[in-house]
Amino acid sequence: MYTLDQIKKAVTSKGYAWFDDGEFNLNLVGVRNSTSGNKVTNLFDDHLTVAYKQKGIWRFHCWEATTDPGKKGMLLGKAKGGVARMVPGQYRGAYALGLHQGKYQALRQVKKVKVYRDGNRDLNFDETRVDEGLFGINIHKAGENSVWVENWSEGCQVFKRKKDFDLMMSLVKKSIPFWKNSFTYTLLESKDI
């Protein structure tokens, strides 16, 4: 688990924007587990965090998640060019409240992001081919409390627990009246912290 200070320092040290003006100006930051290298772990061994001010006081949440495709996603994914894995970076205004696969509200990709493409299905993430575009790399939930990633992610950023996702979505909805329906997402690696 991470702290607000660790996340803010890592984001700003890379020269990325950190939003500290006003109420519910959400800093949505994912942290990919660097210790597993390029192996597919099929675990929710990454984190999704959010930092924001409420009534002038900083609030921070850190949840278990995956920023990587799971085993089924890697082996059975049908995306052209291979399964997607988001390239670390900051994606300004790339997300908006919308429907994930037309089923339920989530943060839906609305601007281009960069992904690595891996098509050889060897359960090791390749980072040689980068693709940029609109791919449906959403921020959504798995099950009530999922154990394995499997095909919950084929590039998406996915919460392990539904209750954590629900809390994040309540913050998204509180943010919209202040900042409109536009959200920046930053993906870091744990070695950056």
N, C-alpha and C. Protein backbone atom coordinates (compact mmCIF):
# COMPACT_ATOMS: atom_id res chain seq x y z
N MET A 1 0.85 -1.19 0.00
CA MET A 1 0.00 0.00 0.00
C MET A 1 0.89 1.25 0.00
N TYR A 2 0.36 2.29 -0.55
CA TYR A 2 1.11 3.53 -0.71
C TYR A 2 0.45 4.66 0.09
N THR A 3 1.20 5.75 0.25
CA THR A 3 0.69 6.92 0.94
C THR A 3 0.47 8.05 -0.06
N LEU A 4 -0.28 9.04 0.33
CA LEU A 4 -0.50 10.23 -0.48
C LEU A 4 0.84 10.87 -0.84
N ASP A 5 1.73 11.03 0.13
CA ASP A 5 3.02 11.69 -0.12
C ASP A 5 3.85 10.92 -1.14
N GLN A 6 3.86 9.59 -1.05
CA GLN A 6 4.62 8.78 -2.01
C GLN A 6 4.10 8.95 -3.43
N ILE A 7 2.79 8.92 -3.57
CA ILE A 7 2.20 9.02 -4.91
C ILE A 7 2.42 10.42 -5.48
N LYS A 8 2.17 11.45 -4.68
CA LYS A 8 2.37 12.82 -5.17
C LYS A 8 3.82 13.04 -5.59
N LYS A 9 4.76 12.60 -4.78
CA LYS A 9 6.19 12.78 -5.09
C LYS A 9 6.55 12.06 -6.39
N ALA A 10 6.05 10.84 -6.58
CA ALA A 10 6.36 10.08 -7.79
C ALA A 10 5.77 10.74 -9.02
N VAL A 11 4.54 11.23 -8.91
CA VAL A 11 3.87 11.89 -10.05
C VAL A 11 4.62 13.17 -10.43
N THR A 12 4.89 14.02 -9.44
CA THR A 12 5.52 15.31 -9.74
C THR A 12 6.98 15.15 -10.16
N SER A 13 7.67 14.12 -9.66
CA SER A 13 9.07 13.91 -10.05
C SER A 13 9.21 13.56 -11.52
N LYS A 14 8.15 13.06 -12.12
CA LYS A 14 8.16 12.75 -13.55
C LYS A 14 7.71 13.93 -14.40
N GLY A 15 7.38 15.05 -13.72
CA GLY A 15 6.94 16.23 -14.44
C GLY A 15 5.48 16.19 -14.85
N TYR A 16 4.72 15.25 -14.29
CA TYR A 16 3.30 15.14 -14.59
C TYR A 16 2.51 16.14 -13.76
N ALA A 17 1.31 16.44 -14.21
CA ALA A 17 0.42 17.34 -13.49
C ALA A 17 -0.08 16.67 -12.21
N TRP A 18 -0.17 17.48 -11.15
CA TRP A 18 -0.79 17.07 -9.89
C TRP A 18 -1.87 18.10 -9.60
N PHE A 19 -3.10 17.66 -9.42
CA PHE A 19 -4.23 18.56 -9.29
C PHE A 19 -4.52 18.84 -7.81
N ASP A 20 -4.26 20.09 -7.40
CA ASP A 20 -4.49 20.42 -5.98
C ASP A 20 -5.42 21.62 -5.80
N ASP A 21 -6.06 22.06 -6.89
CA ASP A 21 -7.03 23.15 -6.79
C ASP A 21 -8.42 22.60 -6.50
N GLY A 22 -9.14 23.26 -5.63
CA GLY A 22 -10.57 23.01 -5.46
C GLY A 22 -10.97 21.66 -4.90
N GLU A 23 -12.27 21.47 -4.89
CA GLU A 23 -12.89 20.27 -4.31
C GLU A 23 -12.95 19.13 -5.34
N PHE A 24 -12.69 17.93 -4.90
CA PHE A 24 -12.87 16.72 -5.70
C PHE A 24 -12.16 16.79 -7.06
N ASN A 25 -10.99 17.42 -7.08
CA ASN A 25 -10.16 17.45 -8.29
C ASN A 25 -9.28 16.19 -8.22
N LEU A 26 -9.76 15.12 -8.81
CA LEU A 26 -9.21 13.78 -8.58
C LEU A 26 -7.87 13.56 -9.26
N ASN A 27 -6.93 13.05 -8.49
CA ASN A 27 -5.66 12.54 -9.01
C ASN A 27 -5.79 11.03 -9.02
N LEU A 28 -6.10 10.47 -10.20
CA LEU A 28 -6.26 9.03 -10.36
C LEU A 28 -4.93 8.45 -10.82
N VAL A 29 -4.33 7.61 -9.97
CA VAL A 29 -2.99 7.10 -10.25
C VAL A 29 -2.97 5.59 -10.04
N GLY A 30 -2.50 4.87 -11.05
CA GLY A 30 -2.26 3.43 -10.94
C GLY A 30 -0.79 3.17 -10.70
N VAL A 31 -0.50 2.10 -9.97
CA VAL A 31 0.88 1.71 -9.72
C VAL A 31 1.03 0.24 -10.10
N ARG A 32 1.81 -0.01 -11.14
CA ARG A 32 2.09 -1.38 -11.60
C ARG A 32 3.23 -1.97 -10.77
N ASN A 33 3.06 -3.21 -10.35
CA ASN A 33 4.07 -3.93 -9.58
C ASN A 33 5.26 -4.24 -10.46
N SER A 34 6.38 -3.56 -10.23
CA SER A 34 7.59 -3.77 -11.02
C SER A 34 8.34 -5.03 -10.63
N THR A 35 8.10 -5.55 -9.43
CA THR A 35 8.90 -6.68 -8.95
C THR A 35 8.63 -7.97 -9.70
N SER A 36 7.48 -8.06 -10.38
CA SER A 36 7.17 -9.29 -11.12
C SER A 36 7.78 -9.29 -12.51
N GLY A 37 8.46 -8.21 -12.87
CA GLY A 37 9.08 -8.13 -14.18
C GLY A 37 8.04 -8.20 -15.27
N ASN A 38 8.31 -8.98 -16.30
CA ASN A 38 7.38 -9.07 -17.43
C ASN A 38 6.55 -10.35 -17.42
N LYS A 39 6.56 -11.05 -16.30
CA LYS A 39 5.77 -12.28 -16.18
C LYS A 39 4.30 -11.97 -15.90
N VAL A 40 3.41 -12.73 -16.52
CA VAL A 40 1.99 -12.62 -16.22
C VAL A 40 1.75 -13.31 -14.88
N THR A 41 1.34 -12.55 -13.87
CA THR A 41 1.12 -13.14 -12.54
C THR A 41 -0.31 -13.62 -12.37
N ASN A 42 -1.24 -13.04 -13.14
CA ASN A 42 -2.67 -13.35 -13.03
C ASN A 42 -3.23 -12.93 -11.67
N LEU A 43 -2.52 -12.06 -10.96
CA LEU A 43 -2.92 -11.59 -9.63
C LEU A 43 -3.27 -10.11 -9.66
N PHE A 44 -4.08 -9.71 -8.71
CA PHE A 44 -4.35 -8.29 -8.50
C PHE A 44 -3.23 -7.73 -7.60
N ASP A 45 -2.04 -7.64 -8.19
CA ASP A 45 -0.85 -7.25 -7.42
C ASP A 45 -0.38 -5.84 -7.74
N ASP A 46 -1.28 -5.03 -8.30
CA ASP A 46 -1.02 -3.62 -8.55
C ASP A 46 -1.96 -2.80 -7.66
N HIS A 47 -1.91 -1.48 -7.80
CA HIS A 47 -2.78 -0.61 -7.00
C HIS A 47 -3.37 0.51 -7.84
N LEU A 48 -4.58 0.90 -7.51
CA LEU A 48 -5.19 2.11 -8.04
C LEU A 48 -5.42 3.04 -6.86
N THR A 49 -5.03 4.31 -7.04
CA THR A 49 -5.15 5.27 -5.96
C THR A 49 -5.92 6.50 -6.44
N VAL A 50 -6.47 7.23 -5.48
CA VAL A 50 -7.07 8.52 -5.78
C VAL A 50 -6.76 9.47 -4.62
N ALA A 51 -6.36 10.68 -4.98
CA ALA A 51 -6.09 11.74 -4.00
C ALA A 51 -6.87 12.97 -4.42
N TYR A 52 -7.47 13.65 -3.45
CA TYR A 52 -8.32 14.81 -3.74
C TYR A 52 -8.54 15.58 -2.45
N LYS A 53 -9.01 16.82 -2.59
CA LYS A 53 -9.36 17.62 -1.43
C LYS A 53 -10.88 17.63 -1.25
N GLN A 54 -11.29 17.53 0.00
CA GLN A 54 -12.69 17.67 0.36
C GLN A 54 -12.75 18.62 1.53
N LYS A 55 -13.44 19.74 1.34
CA LYS A 55 -13.50 20.80 2.35
C LYS A 55 -12.09 21.24 2.76
N GLY A 56 -11.20 21.29 1.76
CA GLY A 56 -9.83 21.77 1.98
C GLY A 56 -8.88 20.76 2.59
N ILE A 57 -9.36 19.56 2.89
CA ILE A 57 -8.52 18.53 3.52
C ILE A 57 -8.23 17.44 2.49
N TRP A 58 -6.95 17.06 2.41
CA TRP A 58 -6.57 15.99 1.48
C TRP A 58 -7.13 14.65 1.94
N ARG A 59 -7.67 13.92 0.98
CA ARG A 59 -8.18 12.56 1.19
C ARG A 59 -7.41 11.64 0.24
N PHE A 60 -7.22 10.39 0.64
CA PHE A 60 -6.44 9.46 -0.18
C PHE A 60 -6.96 8.04 0.01
N HIS A 61 -7.06 7.31 -1.09
CA HIS A 61 -7.45 5.90 -1.06
C HIS A 61 -6.47 5.12 -1.92
N CYS A 62 -6.17 3.90 -1.49
CA CYS A 62 -5.28 3.01 -2.23
C CYS A 62 -5.92 1.62 -2.23
N TRP A 63 -6.18 1.09 -3.42
CA TRP A 63 -6.91 -0.17 -3.55
C TRP A 63 -6.14 -1.20 -4.37
N GLU A 64 -6.37 -2.48 -4.08
CA GLU A 64 -5.80 -3.56 -4.89
C GLU A 64 -6.47 -3.58 -6.25
N ALA A 65 -5.65 -3.83 -7.27
CA ALA A 65 -6.16 -3.79 -8.64
C ALA A 65 -5.17 -4.51 -9.56
N THR A 66 -5.48 -4.50 -10.83
CA THR A 66 -4.51 -4.93 -11.83
C THR A 66 -4.42 -3.86 -12.91
N THR A 67 -3.21 -3.63 -13.38
CA THR A 67 -2.98 -2.77 -14.54
C THR A 67 -2.50 -3.63 -15.70
N ASP A 68 -2.54 -4.93 -15.51
CA ASP A 68 -2.03 -5.89 -16.51
C ASP A 68 -3.11 -6.87 -16.92
N PRO A 69 -3.04 -7.37 -18.16
CA PRO A 69 -3.94 -8.45 -18.57
C PRO A 69 -3.69 -9.70 -17.75
N GLY A 70 -4.72 -10.52 -17.61
CA GLY A 70 -4.60 -11.79 -16.92
C GLY A 70 -4.24 -12.92 -17.86
N LYS A 71 -4.16 -14.12 -17.29
CA LYS A 71 -3.75 -15.31 -18.06
C LYS A 71 -4.70 -15.60 -19.23
N LYS A 72 -6.00 -15.63 -18.97
CA LYS A 72 -6.96 -15.88 -20.06
C LYS A 72 -6.90 -14.77 -21.10
N GLY A 73 -6.76 -13.54 -20.65
CA GLY A 73 -6.66 -12.43 -21.58
C GLY A 73 -5.46 -12.57 -22.50
N MET A 74 -4.34 -13.02 -21.94
CA MET A 74 -3.13 -13.21 -22.73
C MET A 74 -3.27 -14.38 -23.71
N LEU A 75 -3.87 -15.46 -23.24
CA LEU A 75 -3.95 -16.67 -24.07
C LEU A 75 -5.08 -16.64 -25.09
N LEU A 76 -6.20 -16.00 -24.72
CA LEU A 76 -7.39 -16.08 -25.57
C LEU A 76 -7.82 -14.75 -26.16
N GLY A 77 -7.16 -13.65 -25.79
CA GLY A 77 -7.56 -12.34 -26.29
C GLY A 77 -7.56 -12.27 -27.81
N LYS A 78 -8.51 -11.53 -28.34
CA LYS A 78 -8.69 -11.47 -29.80
C LYS A 78 -8.34 -10.12 -30.39
N ALA A 79 -7.73 -9.24 -29.61
CA ALA A 79 -7.40 -7.90 -30.12
C ALA A 79 -6.41 -8.01 -31.27
N LYS A 80 -6.63 -7.21 -32.28
CA LYS A 80 -5.74 -7.18 -33.44
C LYS A 80 -4.34 -6.77 -32.99
N GLY A 81 -3.35 -7.55 -33.36
CA GLY A 81 -1.97 -7.24 -33.00
C GLY A 81 -1.54 -7.77 -31.66
N GLY A 82 -2.46 -8.35 -30.89
CA GLY A 82 -2.12 -8.90 -29.59
C GLY A 82 -2.75 -8.13 -28.45
N VAL A 83 -2.70 -8.74 -27.28
CA VAL A 83 -3.32 -8.15 -26.09
C VAL A 83 -2.62 -6.83 -25.74
N ALA A 84 -3.40 -5.90 -25.17
CA ALA A 84 -2.88 -4.58 -24.81
C ALA A 84 -2.42 -4.55 -23.35
N ARG A 85 -1.37 -3.79 -23.11
CA ARG A 85 -0.89 -3.49 -21.76
C ARG A 85 -0.50 -2.02 -21.76
N MET A 86 -1.17 -1.22 -20.95
CA MET A 86 -0.96 0.23 -20.98
C MET A 86 0.49 0.60 -20.70
N VAL A 87 1.00 1.54 -21.49
CA VAL A 87 2.34 2.08 -21.29
C VAL A 87 2.27 3.09 -20.15
N PRO A 88 3.18 3.01 -19.17
CA PRO A 88 3.17 4.00 -18.09
C PRO A 88 3.28 5.42 -18.65
N GLY A 89 2.56 6.35 -18.01
CA GLY A 89 2.55 7.74 -18.43
C GLY A 89 1.34 8.44 -17.87
N GLN A 90 1.18 9.70 -18.25
CA GLN A 90 0.00 10.45 -17.82
C GLN A 90 -0.86 10.73 -19.04
N TYR A 91 -2.15 10.42 -18.90
CA TYR A 91 -3.11 10.54 -20.00
C TYR A 91 -4.15 11.59 -19.61
N ARG A 92 -3.88 12.83 -20.04
CA ARG A 92 -4.69 13.98 -19.65
C ARG A 92 -6.07 13.93 -20.31
N GLY A 93 -7.11 13.98 -19.50
CA GLY A 93 -8.48 14.02 -20.00
C GLY A 93 -8.88 12.81 -20.82
N ALA A 94 -8.21 11.69 -20.62
CA ALA A 94 -8.44 10.50 -21.46
C ALA A 94 -9.65 9.68 -21.02
N TYR A 95 -10.26 10.02 -19.89
CA TYR A 95 -11.36 9.21 -19.35
C TYR A 95 -12.58 10.07 -19.04
N ALA A 96 -13.75 9.44 -19.16
CA ALA A 96 -15.01 10.09 -18.83
C ALA A 96 -15.96 9.04 -18.28
N LEU A 97 -16.91 9.49 -17.48
CA LEU A 97 -17.95 8.59 -17.00
C LEU A 97 -18.75 8.09 -18.20
N GLY A 98 -18.87 6.79 -18.31
CA GLY A 98 -19.59 6.17 -19.43
C GLY A 98 -19.84 4.72 -19.12
N LEU A 99 -20.25 3.98 -20.10
CA LEU A 99 -20.55 2.56 -19.90
C LEU A 99 -19.37 1.68 -20.30
N HIS A 100 -19.08 0.72 -19.45
CA HIS A 100 -18.08 -0.29 -19.77
C HIS A 100 -18.78 -1.42 -20.52
N GLN A 101 -18.39 -1.64 -21.76
CA GLN A 101 -18.99 -2.67 -22.62
C GLN A 101 -20.51 -2.55 -22.68
N GLY A 102 -21.03 -1.33 -22.51
CA GLY A 102 -22.47 -1.11 -22.57
C GLY A 102 -23.24 -1.66 -21.39
N LYS A 103 -22.54 -2.08 -20.31
CA LYS A 103 -23.19 -2.79 -19.21
C LYS A 103 -23.40 -1.96 -17.95
N TYR A 104 -22.39 -1.24 -17.50
CA TYR A 104 -22.49 -0.49 -16.25
C TYR A 104 -21.55 0.71 -16.32
N GLN A 105 -21.80 1.69 -15.44
CA GLN A 105 -20.99 2.90 -15.44
C GLN A 105 -19.59 2.62 -14.91
N ALA A 106 -18.62 3.18 -15.62
CA ALA A 106 -17.21 3.06 -15.26
C ALA A 106 -16.51 4.28 -15.85
N LEU A 107 -15.20 4.32 -15.75
CA LEU A 107 -14.44 5.35 -16.46
C LEU A 107 -14.06 4.77 -17.81
N ARG A 108 -14.56 5.40 -18.86
CA ARG A 108 -14.40 4.91 -20.23
C ARG A 108 -13.34 5.74 -20.94
N GLN A 109 -12.48 5.07 -21.70
CA GLN A 109 -11.46 5.77 -22.47
C GLN A 109 -12.11 6.60 -23.56
N VAL A 110 -11.76 7.91 -23.62
CA VAL A 110 -12.33 8.81 -24.62
C VAL A 110 -11.26 9.55 -25.44
N LYS A 111 -10.00 9.40 -25.06
CA LYS A 111 -8.88 9.96 -25.82
C LYS A 111 -7.82 8.88 -25.96
N LYS A 112 -6.90 9.11 -26.88
CA LYS A 112 -5.87 8.11 -27.16
C LYS A 112 -4.98 7.83 -25.94
N VAL A 113 -4.62 6.56 -25.81
CA VAL A 113 -3.61 6.13 -24.85
C VAL A 113 -2.62 5.25 -25.59
N LYS A 114 -1.46 5.03 -24.98
CA LYS A 114 -0.45 4.14 -25.57
C LYS A 114 -0.50 2.79 -24.87
N VAL A 115 -0.38 1.74 -25.67
CA VAL A 115 -0.33 0.38 -25.13
C VAL A 115 0.78 -0.39 -25.81
N TYR A 116 1.35 -1.33 -25.06
CA TYR A 116 2.21 -2.33 -25.67
C TYR A 116 1.29 -3.39 -26.27
N ARG A 117 1.68 -4.01 -27.36
CA ARG A 117 0.93 -5.11 -27.97
C ARG A 117 1.77 -6.37 -27.88
N ASP A 118 1.14 -7.44 -27.40
CA ASP A 118 1.82 -8.71 -27.21
C ASP A 118 0.97 -9.81 -27.85
N GLY A 119 1.46 -10.37 -28.92
CA GLY A 119 0.68 -11.36 -29.66
C GLY A 119 1.19 -12.77 -29.62
N ASN A 120 2.28 -13.05 -28.90
CA ASN A 120 2.86 -14.41 -28.96
C ASN A 120 2.34 -15.37 -27.90
N ARG A 121 1.53 -14.92 -26.98
CA ARG A 121 0.83 -15.76 -25.99
C ARG A 121 1.78 -16.62 -25.14
N ASP A 122 2.97 -16.10 -24.85
CA ASP A 122 3.93 -16.88 -24.06
C ASP A 122 3.91 -16.57 -22.57
N LEU A 123 2.92 -15.78 -22.13
CA LEU A 123 2.73 -15.40 -20.72
C LEU A 123 3.88 -14.55 -20.17
N ASN A 124 4.57 -13.87 -21.07
CA ASN A 124 5.52 -12.83 -20.72
C ASN A 124 5.12 -11.59 -21.49
N PHE A 125 5.08 -10.45 -20.80
CA PHE A 125 4.70 -9.21 -21.46
C PHE A 125 5.87 -8.71 -22.30
N ASP A 126 5.61 -8.51 -23.59
CA ASP A 126 6.61 -7.91 -24.47
C ASP A 126 6.37 -6.41 -24.51
N GLU A 127 7.47 -5.65 -24.51
CA GLU A 127 7.36 -4.19 -24.52
C GLU A 127 8.11 -3.60 -25.70
N THR A 128 7.97 -4.24 -26.85
CA THR A 128 8.69 -3.77 -28.04
C THR A 128 7.78 -3.03 -29.01
N ARG A 129 6.53 -3.40 -29.10
CA ARG A 129 5.60 -2.77 -30.04
C ARG A 129 4.62 -1.87 -29.30
N VAL A 130 4.59 -0.58 -29.63
CA VAL A 130 3.68 0.37 -29.00
C VAL A 130 2.63 0.79 -30.02
N ASP A 131 1.39 0.82 -29.58
CA ASP A 131 0.26 1.21 -30.40
C ASP A 131 -0.45 2.35 -29.66
N GLU A 132 -0.94 3.34 -30.38
CA GLU A 132 -1.63 4.47 -29.75
C GLU A 132 -3.00 4.64 -30.39
N GLY A 133 -4.03 4.78 -29.56
CA GLY A 133 -5.37 4.97 -30.11
C GLY A 133 -6.45 4.79 -29.07
N LEU A 134 -7.68 4.66 -29.57
CA LEU A 134 -8.85 4.39 -28.73
C LEU A 134 -9.13 2.90 -28.78
N PHE A 135 -8.90 2.21 -27.67
CA PHE A 135 -8.99 0.76 -27.64
C PHE A 135 -10.00 0.22 -26.62
N GLY A 136 -10.68 1.10 -25.89
CA GLY A 136 -11.55 0.63 -24.82
C GLY A 136 -10.77 0.21 -23.59
N ILE A 137 -9.66 0.90 -23.33
CA ILE A 137 -8.85 0.63 -22.13
C ILE A 137 -9.53 1.37 -20.98
N ASN A 138 -10.56 0.75 -20.44
CA ASN A 138 -11.39 1.38 -19.42
C ASN A 138 -10.85 1.12 -18.01
N ILE A 139 -11.40 1.86 -17.05
CA ILE A 139 -11.12 1.64 -15.63
C ILE A 139 -12.42 1.11 -15.04
N HIS A 140 -12.42 -0.17 -14.66
CA HIS A 140 -13.67 -0.82 -14.25
C HIS A 140 -13.40 -1.82 -13.12
N LYS A 141 -14.38 -2.64 -12.82
CA LYS A 141 -14.31 -3.58 -11.69
C LYS A 141 -14.22 -5.02 -12.19
N ALA A 142 -13.73 -5.87 -11.32
CA ALA A 142 -13.82 -7.32 -11.53
C ALA A 142 -15.10 -7.76 -10.80
N GLY A 143 -15.03 -8.83 -9.99
CA GLY A 143 -16.20 -9.30 -9.25
C GLY A 143 -16.31 -8.66 -7.88
N GLU A 144 -17.07 -9.33 -7.02
CA GLU A 144 -17.23 -8.83 -5.64
C GLU A 144 -15.88 -8.72 -4.94
N ASN A 145 -15.06 -9.77 -5.05
CA ASN A 145 -13.71 -9.79 -4.48
C ASN A 145 -12.92 -10.87 -5.23
N SER A 146 -12.49 -10.53 -6.42
CA SER A 146 -11.87 -11.52 -7.32
C SER A 146 -10.49 -11.94 -6.84
N VAL A 147 -10.16 -13.19 -7.09
CA VAL A 147 -8.84 -13.73 -6.73
C VAL A 147 -7.90 -13.67 -7.93
N TRP A 148 -8.38 -14.07 -9.10
CA TRP A 148 -7.55 -14.15 -10.30
C TRP A 148 -8.00 -13.11 -11.32
N VAL A 149 -7.06 -12.59 -12.07
CA VAL A 149 -7.39 -11.60 -13.10
C VAL A 149 -8.05 -12.28 -14.30
N GLU A 150 -7.49 -13.38 -14.76
CA GLU A 150 -7.98 -14.14 -15.93
C GLU A 150 -8.29 -13.19 -17.10
N ASN A 151 -9.56 -13.05 -17.49
CA ASN A 151 -9.85 -12.12 -18.58
C ASN A 151 -10.65 -10.90 -18.12
N TRP A 152 -10.56 -10.57 -16.82
CA TRP A 152 -11.14 -9.31 -16.36
C TRP A 152 -10.42 -8.15 -17.04
N SER A 153 -9.14 -8.35 -17.37
CA SER A 153 -8.39 -7.31 -18.06
C SER A 153 -7.72 -7.87 -19.31
N GLU A 154 -7.93 -7.16 -20.41
CA GLU A 154 -7.15 -7.37 -21.63
C GLU A 154 -6.55 -6.01 -22.01
N GLY A 155 -6.11 -5.30 -20.98
CA GLY A 155 -5.54 -3.97 -21.12
C GLY A 155 -6.15 -2.96 -20.18
N CYS A 156 -7.34 -3.24 -19.68
CA CYS A 156 -8.03 -2.31 -18.77
C CYS A 156 -7.36 -2.26 -17.41
N GLN A 157 -7.67 -1.21 -16.67
CA GLN A 157 -7.22 -1.03 -15.30
C GLN A 157 -8.40 -1.46 -14.43
N VAL A 158 -8.22 -2.51 -13.61
CA VAL A 158 -9.37 -3.21 -13.02
C VAL A 158 -9.25 -3.34 -11.50
N PHE A 159 -10.29 -2.91 -10.81
CA PHE A 159 -10.37 -3.05 -9.35
C PHE A 159 -10.63 -4.51 -8.97
N LYS A 160 -9.95 -4.98 -7.94
CA LYS A 160 -10.15 -6.32 -7.41
C LYS A 160 -11.52 -6.46 -6.76
N ARG A 161 -11.93 -5.42 -6.01
CA ARG A 161 -13.17 -5.49 -5.24
C ARG A 161 -14.21 -4.51 -5.75
N LYS A 162 -15.42 -4.97 -5.87
CA LYS A 162 -16.53 -4.13 -6.31
C LYS A 162 -16.73 -2.95 -5.38
N LYS A 163 -16.63 -3.15 -4.05
CA LYS A 163 -16.89 -2.06 -3.11
C LYS A 163 -15.87 -0.93 -3.27
N ASP A 164 -14.62 -1.25 -3.61
CA ASP A 164 -13.61 -0.22 -3.84
C ASP A 164 -13.94 0.57 -5.11
N PHE A 165 -14.31 -0.15 -6.15
CA PHE A 165 -14.72 0.48 -7.40
C PHE A 165 -15.92 1.40 -7.16
N ASP A 166 -16.89 0.93 -6.39
CA ASP A 166 -18.09 1.73 -6.11
C ASP A 166 -17.73 3.04 -5.41
N LEU A 167 -16.77 2.98 -4.48
CA LEU A 167 -16.33 4.20 -3.79
C LEU A 167 -15.67 5.15 -4.78
N MET A 168 -14.80 4.62 -5.64
CA MET A 168 -14.16 5.46 -6.64
C MET A 168 -15.20 6.12 -7.54
N MET A 169 -16.20 5.35 -7.95
CA MET A 169 -17.24 5.90 -8.83
C MET A 169 -18.05 6.99 -8.12
N SER A 170 -18.27 6.85 -6.82
CA SER A 170 -18.99 7.91 -6.09
C SER A 170 -18.18 9.19 -6.10
N LEU A 171 -16.84 9.08 -6.03
CA LEU A 171 -15.98 10.26 -6.09
C LEU A 171 -15.99 10.88 -7.48
N VAL A 172 -16.00 10.05 -8.50
CA VAL A 172 -16.10 10.53 -9.88
C VAL A 172 -17.36 11.37 -10.04
N LYS A 173 -18.47 10.87 -9.53
CA LYS A 173 -19.75 11.58 -9.67
C LYS A 173 -19.77 12.88 -8.87
N LYS A 174 -19.07 12.91 -7.74
CA LYS A 174 -18.97 14.15 -6.96
C LYS A 174 -18.07 15.17 -7.65
N SER A 175 -17.11 14.68 -8.42
CA SER A 175 -16.16 15.56 -9.11
C SER A 175 -16.77 16.28 -10.31
N ILE A 176 -17.69 15.61 -11.01
CA ILE A 176 -18.21 16.13 -12.27
C ILE A 176 -18.82 17.54 -12.16
N PRO A 177 -19.62 17.85 -11.12
CA PRO A 177 -20.16 19.22 -11.04
C PRO A 177 -19.08 20.31 -10.95
N PHE A 178 -17.92 19.96 -10.41
CA PHE A 178 -16.83 20.92 -10.27
C PHE A 178 -15.93 20.97 -11.51
N TRP A 179 -15.65 19.80 -12.09
CA TRP A 179 -14.58 19.69 -13.10
C TRP A 179 -15.05 19.10 -14.43
N LYS A 180 -16.34 18.94 -14.61
CA LYS A 180 -16.92 18.36 -15.81
C LYS A 180 -16.55 16.88 -15.93
N ASN A 181 -17.00 16.26 -16.98
CA ASN A 181 -16.82 14.81 -17.15
C ASN A 181 -15.52 14.54 -17.91
N SER A 182 -14.41 14.85 -17.28
CA SER A 182 -13.09 14.65 -17.89
C SER A 182 -12.10 14.30 -16.78
N PHE A 183 -11.42 13.16 -16.95
CA PHE A 183 -10.53 12.66 -15.90
C PHE A 183 -9.18 12.26 -16.48
N THR A 184 -8.14 12.64 -15.77
CA THR A 184 -6.77 12.28 -16.14
C THR A 184 -6.37 11.04 -15.36
N TYR A 185 -5.68 10.12 -16.04
CA TYR A 185 -5.17 8.92 -15.38
C TYR A 185 -3.67 8.86 -15.58
N THR A 186 -2.96 8.56 -14.49
CA THR A 186 -1.51 8.42 -14.52
C THR A 186 -1.15 7.00 -14.11
N LEU A 187 -0.33 6.35 -14.91
CA LEU A 187 0.16 5.01 -14.57
C LEU A 187 1.65 5.08 -14.28
N LEU A 188 2.01 4.66 -13.07
CA LEU A 188 3.39 4.60 -12.62
C LEU A 188 3.80 3.13 -12.46
N GLU A 189 5.08 2.92 -12.22
CA GLU A 189 5.58 1.61 -11.84
C GLU A 189 6.06 1.70 -10.40
N SER A 190 5.97 0.60 -9.67
CA SER A 190 6.35 0.65 -8.24
C SER A 190 7.80 1.04 -8.06
N LYS A 191 8.65 0.77 -9.04
CA LYS A 191 10.06 1.16 -8.92
C LYS A 191 10.22 2.69 -8.97
N ASP A 192 9.17 3.41 -9.40
CA ASP A 192 9.20 4.89 -9.43
C ASP A 192 8.97 5.48 -8.05
N ILE A 193 8.53 4.66 -7.09
CA ILE A 193 8.14 5.18 -5.78
C ILE A 193 9.19 4.87 -4.72
